[in-house]
Amino acid sequence: MTLIKGTFTYSSGEEYHGEWKEVFGIHMVQHCHHYEGEFVQGKFQGVGVFTRCDGMKFEGEFKNGRVEGYGLLTFPDGLHGHPRNEGVFENNRLCKREKCQAVIQRAQASAKSARGLSL
């Protein structure tokens, strides 16, 4: 199987950087928000890291393009809140506090893999 590295720019100005035929990549939204991690059919799916323009970051699981599953929320000041915003997220909201270090580590590894594909 031949893999192609490249950049796809949507008409909205959003960009996808990565390898085609693989599930890793980087998705930038108007050169500000960005996602590094796994994709399925063009949507955030699996594990990865989403960072907003203001520095707020979510490291964890995504389903169908949304924060969904285990993960950790980090605020722009680098803190995680008190109590810590770590656990199970549904519909982009924390619904159950629970430690999930293994998922966070997988998300960070996925983001690192995606960065390795960048041109």
N, C-alpha and C. Protein backbone atom coordinates (compact mmCIF):
# COMPACT_ATOMS: atom_id res chain seq x y z
N MET A 1 0.85 -1.18 0.00
CA MET A 1 0.00 0.00 0.00
C MET A 1 0.89 1.24 0.00
N THR A 2 0.63 2.16 -0.89
CA THR A 2 1.38 3.41 -0.96
C THR A 2 0.71 4.45 -0.07
N LEU A 3 1.50 5.09 0.77
CA LEU A 3 0.99 6.14 1.63
C LEU A 3 1.49 7.48 1.11
N ILE A 4 0.62 8.46 1.14
CA ILE A 4 0.95 9.78 0.64
C ILE A 4 0.86 10.78 1.77
N LYS A 5 1.90 11.58 1.97
CA LYS A 5 1.86 12.66 2.95
C LYS A 5 1.42 13.92 2.22
N GLY A 6 0.61 14.73 2.89
CA GLY A 6 0.19 15.95 2.24
C GLY A 6 -0.70 16.81 3.11
N THR A 7 -1.18 17.87 2.51
CA THR A 7 -2.07 18.82 3.18
C THR A 7 -3.32 18.98 2.33
N PHE A 8 -4.47 18.91 2.97
CA PHE A 8 -5.73 19.16 2.30
C PHE A 8 -6.35 20.39 2.92
N THR A 9 -6.69 21.38 2.12
CA THR A 9 -7.31 22.60 2.62
C THR A 9 -8.77 22.62 2.21
N TYR A 10 -9.66 22.67 3.19
CA TYR A 10 -11.09 22.74 2.95
C TYR A 10 -11.45 24.15 2.49
N SER A 11 -12.61 24.32 1.87
CA SER A 11 -13.05 25.64 1.40
C SER A 11 -13.21 26.62 2.56
N SER A 12 -13.42 26.12 3.77
CA SER A 12 -13.58 26.98 4.95
C SER A 12 -12.24 27.52 5.45
N GLY A 13 -11.13 27.02 4.89
CA GLY A 13 -9.81 27.42 5.35
C GLY A 13 -9.19 26.44 6.32
N GLU A 14 -9.98 25.47 6.80
CA GLU A 14 -9.44 24.45 7.67
C GLU A 14 -8.47 23.58 6.88
N GLU A 15 -7.48 23.02 7.58
CA GLU A 15 -6.47 22.20 6.91
C GLU A 15 -6.35 20.85 7.58
N TYR A 16 -6.05 19.84 6.78
CA TYR A 16 -5.68 18.51 7.28
C TYR A 16 -4.27 18.26 6.80
N HIS A 17 -3.36 17.99 7.76
CA HIS A 17 -1.97 17.65 7.44
C HIS A 17 -1.76 16.21 7.86
N GLY A 18 -1.24 15.40 6.99
CA GLY A 18 -0.95 14.04 7.41
C GLY A 18 -0.81 13.09 6.26
N GLU A 19 -0.90 11.81 6.61
CA GLU A 19 -0.78 10.74 5.64
C GLU A 19 -2.15 10.26 5.24
N TRP A 20 -2.33 10.00 4.00
CA TRP A 20 -3.57 9.43 3.49
C TRP A 20 -3.43 7.92 3.56
N LYS A 21 -4.53 7.22 3.77
CA LYS A 21 -4.59 5.77 3.94
C LYS A 21 -4.21 5.36 5.36
N GLU A 22 -3.98 6.30 6.22
CA GLU A 22 -3.67 6.03 7.61
C GLU A 22 -4.71 6.73 8.47
N VAL A 23 -4.66 6.49 9.77
CA VAL A 23 -5.65 7.09 10.64
C VAL A 23 -5.12 8.26 11.44
N PHE A 24 -3.84 8.62 11.28
CA PHE A 24 -3.28 9.72 12.03
C PHE A 24 -3.22 10.97 11.19
N GLY A 25 -3.31 12.13 11.84
CA GLY A 25 -3.16 13.39 11.14
C GLY A 25 -3.32 14.56 12.07
N ILE A 26 -3.18 15.73 11.49
CA ILE A 26 -3.36 16.98 12.23
C ILE A 26 -4.43 17.77 11.52
N HIS A 27 -5.38 18.27 12.25
CA HIS A 27 -6.47 19.05 11.68
C HIS A 27 -6.40 20.44 12.31
N MET A 28 -6.21 21.45 11.50
CA MET A 28 -6.15 22.82 12.00
C MET A 28 -7.43 23.55 11.59
N VAL A 29 -8.00 24.28 12.50
CA VAL A 29 -9.20 25.05 12.22
C VAL A 29 -8.81 26.52 12.16
N GLN A 30 -8.85 27.09 10.97
CA GLN A 30 -8.52 28.49 10.75
C GLN A 30 -7.20 28.87 11.41
N HIS A 31 -6.22 27.99 11.31
CA HIS A 31 -4.86 28.23 11.79
C HIS A 31 -4.80 28.59 13.29
N CYS A 32 -5.76 28.12 14.06
CA CYS A 32 -5.79 28.47 15.47
C CYS A 32 -6.05 27.23 16.32
N HIS A 33 -7.28 26.74 16.35
CA HIS A 33 -7.58 25.50 17.05
C HIS A 33 -6.92 24.37 16.26
N HIS A 34 -6.46 23.34 16.95
CA HIS A 34 -5.95 22.20 16.18
C HIS A 34 -6.12 20.89 16.95
N TYR A 35 -6.21 19.83 16.17
CA TYR A 35 -6.37 18.48 16.67
C TYR A 35 -5.25 17.63 16.10
N GLU A 36 -4.61 16.86 16.96
CA GLU A 36 -3.57 15.93 16.54
C GLU A 36 -3.98 14.56 17.06
N GLY A 37 -4.17 13.63 16.13
CA GLY A 37 -4.57 12.30 16.58
C GLY A 37 -5.18 11.47 15.48
N GLU A 38 -6.07 10.58 15.89
CA GLU A 38 -6.66 9.62 14.98
C GLU A 38 -7.92 10.18 14.32
N PHE A 39 -8.13 9.76 13.07
CA PHE A 39 -9.29 10.16 12.29
C PHE A 39 -9.96 8.92 11.70
N VAL A 40 -11.26 9.00 11.49
CA VAL A 40 -12.00 8.03 10.70
C VAL A 40 -12.96 8.83 9.84
N GLN A 41 -12.88 8.64 8.54
CA GLN A 41 -13.74 9.33 7.57
C GLN A 41 -13.77 10.84 7.81
N GLY A 42 -12.59 11.40 8.06
CA GLY A 42 -12.47 12.85 8.19
C GLY A 42 -12.90 13.43 9.52
N LYS A 43 -13.27 12.60 10.49
CA LYS A 43 -13.70 13.09 11.80
C LYS A 43 -12.75 12.61 12.88
N PHE A 44 -12.62 13.39 13.97
CA PHE A 44 -11.82 12.98 15.11
C PHE A 44 -12.44 11.70 15.65
N GLN A 45 -11.64 10.65 15.72
CA GLN A 45 -12.16 9.36 16.16
C GLN A 45 -11.02 8.55 16.75
N GLY A 46 -11.18 8.09 17.96
CA GLY A 46 -10.12 7.36 18.64
C GLY A 46 -9.53 8.25 19.72
N VAL A 47 -8.20 8.34 19.76
CA VAL A 47 -7.56 9.18 20.77
C VAL A 47 -6.75 10.28 20.10
N GLY A 48 -6.63 11.40 20.82
CA GLY A 48 -5.86 12.52 20.30
C GLY A 48 -5.88 13.68 21.27
N VAL A 49 -5.35 14.80 20.79
CA VAL A 49 -5.26 16.02 21.60
C VAL A 49 -5.86 17.17 20.80
N PHE A 50 -6.86 17.84 21.38
CA PHE A 50 -7.48 19.02 20.76
C PHE A 50 -7.09 20.23 21.59
N THR A 51 -6.52 21.26 20.93
CA THR A 51 -6.10 22.48 21.62
C THR A 51 -6.82 23.67 21.00
N ARG A 52 -7.46 24.47 21.84
CA ARG A 52 -8.14 25.68 21.37
C ARG A 52 -7.15 26.83 21.25
N CYS A 53 -7.56 27.89 20.57
CA CYS A 53 -6.72 29.08 20.40
C CYS A 53 -6.27 29.67 21.73
N ASP A 54 -7.14 29.61 22.74
CA ASP A 54 -6.80 30.21 24.04
C ASP A 54 -5.91 29.32 24.89
N GLY A 55 -5.57 28.12 24.39
CA GLY A 55 -4.68 27.23 25.12
C GLY A 55 -5.38 26.12 25.89
N MET A 56 -6.72 26.15 25.97
CA MET A 56 -7.43 25.08 26.63
C MET A 56 -7.22 23.80 25.81
N LYS A 57 -7.01 22.68 26.51
CA LYS A 57 -6.65 21.45 25.81
C LYS A 57 -7.41 20.26 26.38
N PHE A 58 -7.82 19.34 25.48
CA PHE A 58 -8.40 18.08 25.88
C PHE A 58 -7.55 16.96 25.32
N GLU A 59 -7.11 16.05 26.19
CA GLU A 59 -6.32 14.89 25.80
C GLU A 59 -7.15 13.66 26.14
N GLY A 60 -7.54 12.90 25.12
CA GLY A 60 -8.34 11.72 25.42
C GLY A 60 -9.04 11.16 24.22
N GLU A 61 -10.25 10.66 24.46
CA GLU A 61 -11.01 9.95 23.44
C GLU A 61 -12.01 10.85 22.73
N PHE A 62 -12.16 10.56 21.44
CA PHE A 62 -13.10 11.28 20.59
C PHE A 62 -13.93 10.26 19.83
N LYS A 63 -15.19 10.60 19.61
CA LYS A 63 -16.08 9.77 18.80
C LYS A 63 -16.87 10.68 17.88
N ASN A 64 -16.84 10.34 16.61
CA ASN A 64 -17.63 11.07 15.61
C ASN A 64 -17.38 12.58 15.65
N GLY A 65 -16.10 12.95 15.86
CA GLY A 65 -15.73 14.36 15.84
C GLY A 65 -15.96 15.13 17.12
N ARG A 66 -16.31 14.43 18.20
CA ARG A 66 -16.62 15.10 19.47
C ARG A 66 -15.83 14.50 20.62
N VAL A 67 -15.65 15.29 21.68
CA VAL A 67 -15.07 14.78 22.93
C VAL A 67 -16.07 13.77 23.47
N GLU A 68 -15.63 12.54 23.61
CA GLU A 68 -16.54 11.48 24.05
C GLU A 68 -15.71 10.32 24.59
N GLY A 69 -15.78 10.07 25.87
CA GLY A 69 -15.01 8.99 26.49
C GLY A 69 -14.09 9.53 27.56
N TYR A 70 -13.03 8.80 27.84
CA TYR A 70 -12.10 9.18 28.89
C TYR A 70 -11.14 10.27 28.43
N GLY A 71 -10.78 11.17 29.36
CA GLY A 71 -9.82 12.19 29.02
C GLY A 71 -9.57 13.18 30.14
N LEU A 72 -8.72 14.15 29.82
CA LEU A 72 -8.29 15.18 30.77
C LEU A 72 -8.41 16.54 30.12
N LEU A 73 -9.03 17.48 30.82
CA LEU A 73 -9.16 18.85 30.37
C LEU A 73 -8.14 19.72 31.10
N THR A 74 -7.38 20.49 30.32
CA THR A 74 -6.39 21.41 30.88
C THR A 74 -6.78 22.83 30.48
N PHE A 75 -6.86 23.72 31.45
CA PHE A 75 -7.24 25.11 31.20
C PHE A 75 -6.04 25.90 30.67
N PRO A 76 -6.28 27.09 30.09
CA PRO A 76 -5.18 27.89 29.52
C PRO A 76 -4.04 28.19 30.50
N ASP A 77 -4.35 28.23 31.80
CA ASP A 77 -3.31 28.51 32.80
C ASP A 77 -2.49 27.26 33.15
N GLY A 78 -2.79 26.12 32.48
CA GLY A 78 -2.06 24.88 32.71
C GLY A 78 -2.61 24.02 33.83
N LEU A 79 -3.65 24.51 34.51
CA LEU A 79 -4.25 23.76 35.61
C LEU A 79 -5.41 22.91 35.10
N HIS A 80 -5.81 21.93 35.91
CA HIS A 80 -6.86 21.00 35.52
C HIS A 80 -8.16 21.22 36.29
N GLY A 81 -8.21 22.26 37.10
CA GLY A 81 -9.39 22.52 37.92
C GLY A 81 -9.32 21.80 39.25
N HIS A 82 -10.20 22.19 40.14
CA HIS A 82 -10.27 21.56 41.45
C HIS A 82 -11.73 21.31 41.78
N PRO A 83 -12.20 20.10 41.82
CA PRO A 83 -11.42 18.89 41.60
C PRO A 83 -11.00 18.74 40.13
N ARG A 84 -10.01 17.89 39.93
CA ARG A 84 -9.40 17.67 38.62
C ARG A 84 -10.44 17.26 37.57
N ASN A 85 -10.41 17.90 36.40
CA ASN A 85 -11.33 17.60 35.30
C ASN A 85 -10.79 16.44 34.47
N GLU A 86 -10.85 15.27 35.06
CA GLU A 86 -10.37 14.03 34.43
C GLU A 86 -11.43 12.97 34.65
N GLY A 87 -11.73 12.22 33.59
CA GLY A 87 -12.71 11.15 33.73
C GLY A 87 -13.44 10.90 32.45
N VAL A 88 -14.73 10.60 32.57
CA VAL A 88 -15.56 10.25 31.43
C VAL A 88 -16.32 11.49 30.96
N PHE A 89 -16.19 11.80 29.68
CA PHE A 89 -16.86 12.94 29.06
C PHE A 89 -17.95 12.42 28.12
N GLU A 90 -19.09 13.07 28.14
CA GLU A 90 -20.18 12.80 27.20
C GLU A 90 -20.68 14.13 26.68
N ASN A 91 -20.90 14.21 25.38
CA ASN A 91 -21.37 15.45 24.76
C ASN A 91 -20.51 16.64 25.16
N ASN A 92 -19.19 16.46 25.14
CA ASN A 92 -18.21 17.50 25.45
C ASN A 92 -18.23 17.97 26.90
N ARG A 93 -18.84 17.20 27.81
CA ARG A 93 -18.90 17.59 29.22
C ARG A 93 -18.45 16.45 30.12
N LEU A 94 -17.77 16.81 31.21
CA LEU A 94 -17.34 15.82 32.19
C LEU A 94 -18.57 15.32 32.94
N CYS A 95 -18.81 14.01 32.91
CA CYS A 95 -19.98 13.48 33.62
C CYS A 95 -19.59 12.56 34.78
N LYS A 96 -18.33 12.08 34.81
CA LYS A 96 -17.90 11.21 35.90
C LYS A 96 -16.40 11.38 36.10
N ARG A 97 -16.00 11.77 37.30
CA ARG A 97 -14.58 11.93 37.61
C ARG A 97 -13.96 10.56 37.85
N GLU A 98 -12.86 10.32 37.15
CA GLU A 98 -12.19 9.03 37.25
C GLU A 98 -10.79 9.17 36.67
N LYS A 99 -9.81 8.54 37.28
CA LYS A 99 -8.45 8.59 36.74
C LYS A 99 -8.40 7.78 35.45
N CYS A 100 -7.67 8.30 34.46
CA CYS A 100 -7.59 7.62 33.16
C CYS A 100 -6.23 7.86 32.51
N GLN A 101 -5.16 7.69 33.29
CA GLN A 101 -3.82 7.99 32.82
C GLN A 101 -3.45 7.21 31.56
N ALA A 102 -3.88 5.96 31.44
CA ALA A 102 -3.53 5.15 30.26
C ALA A 102 -4.11 5.77 28.98
N VAL A 103 -5.34 6.26 29.04
CA VAL A 103 -5.97 6.90 27.87
C VAL A 103 -5.24 8.19 27.53
N ILE A 104 -4.89 8.97 28.53
CA ILE A 104 -4.17 10.23 28.31
C ILE A 104 -2.83 9.96 27.64
N GLN A 105 -2.13 8.94 28.10
CA GLN A 105 -0.84 8.59 27.49
C GLN A 105 -1.01 8.13 26.05
N ARG A 106 -2.07 7.36 25.76
CA ARG A 106 -2.34 6.95 24.37
C ARG A 106 -2.66 8.16 23.50
N ALA A 107 -3.41 9.12 24.03
CA ALA A 107 -3.74 10.34 23.28
C ALA A 107 -2.48 11.13 22.97
N GLN A 108 -1.60 11.26 23.95
CA GLN A 108 -0.34 11.99 23.74
C GLN A 108 0.53 11.28 22.71
N ALA A 109 0.57 9.95 22.75
CA ALA A 109 1.35 9.19 21.77
C ALA A 109 0.76 9.34 20.37
N SER A 110 -0.55 9.36 20.27
CA SER A 110 -1.22 9.54 18.97
C SER A 110 -0.91 10.92 18.41
N ALA A 111 -0.95 11.95 19.26
CA ALA A 111 -0.63 13.31 18.83
C ALA A 111 0.82 13.39 18.35
N LYS A 112 1.71 12.72 19.06
CA LYS A 112 3.12 12.71 18.67
C LYS A 112 3.29 12.03 17.31
N SER A 113 2.59 10.93 17.09
CA SER A 113 2.64 10.24 15.80
C SER A 113 2.13 11.15 14.69
N ALA A 114 1.06 11.88 14.96
CA ALA A 114 0.49 12.80 13.97
C ALA A 114 1.48 13.90 13.62
N ARG A 115 2.16 14.45 14.63
CA ARG A 115 3.16 15.48 14.38
C ARG A 115 4.31 14.95 13.54
N GLY A 116 4.62 13.69 13.69
CA GLY A 116 5.68 13.07 12.90
C GLY A 116 5.34 12.95 11.44
N LEU A 117 4.06 13.06 11.11
CA LEU A 117 3.62 12.98 9.72
C LEU A 117 3.60 14.33 9.04
N SER A 118 3.68 15.42 9.81
CA SER A 118 3.59 16.77 9.25
C SER A 118 4.69 17.02 8.24
N LEU A 119 4.36 17.79 7.25
CA LEU A 119 5.32 18.14 6.21
C LEU A 119 6.18 19.30 6.62
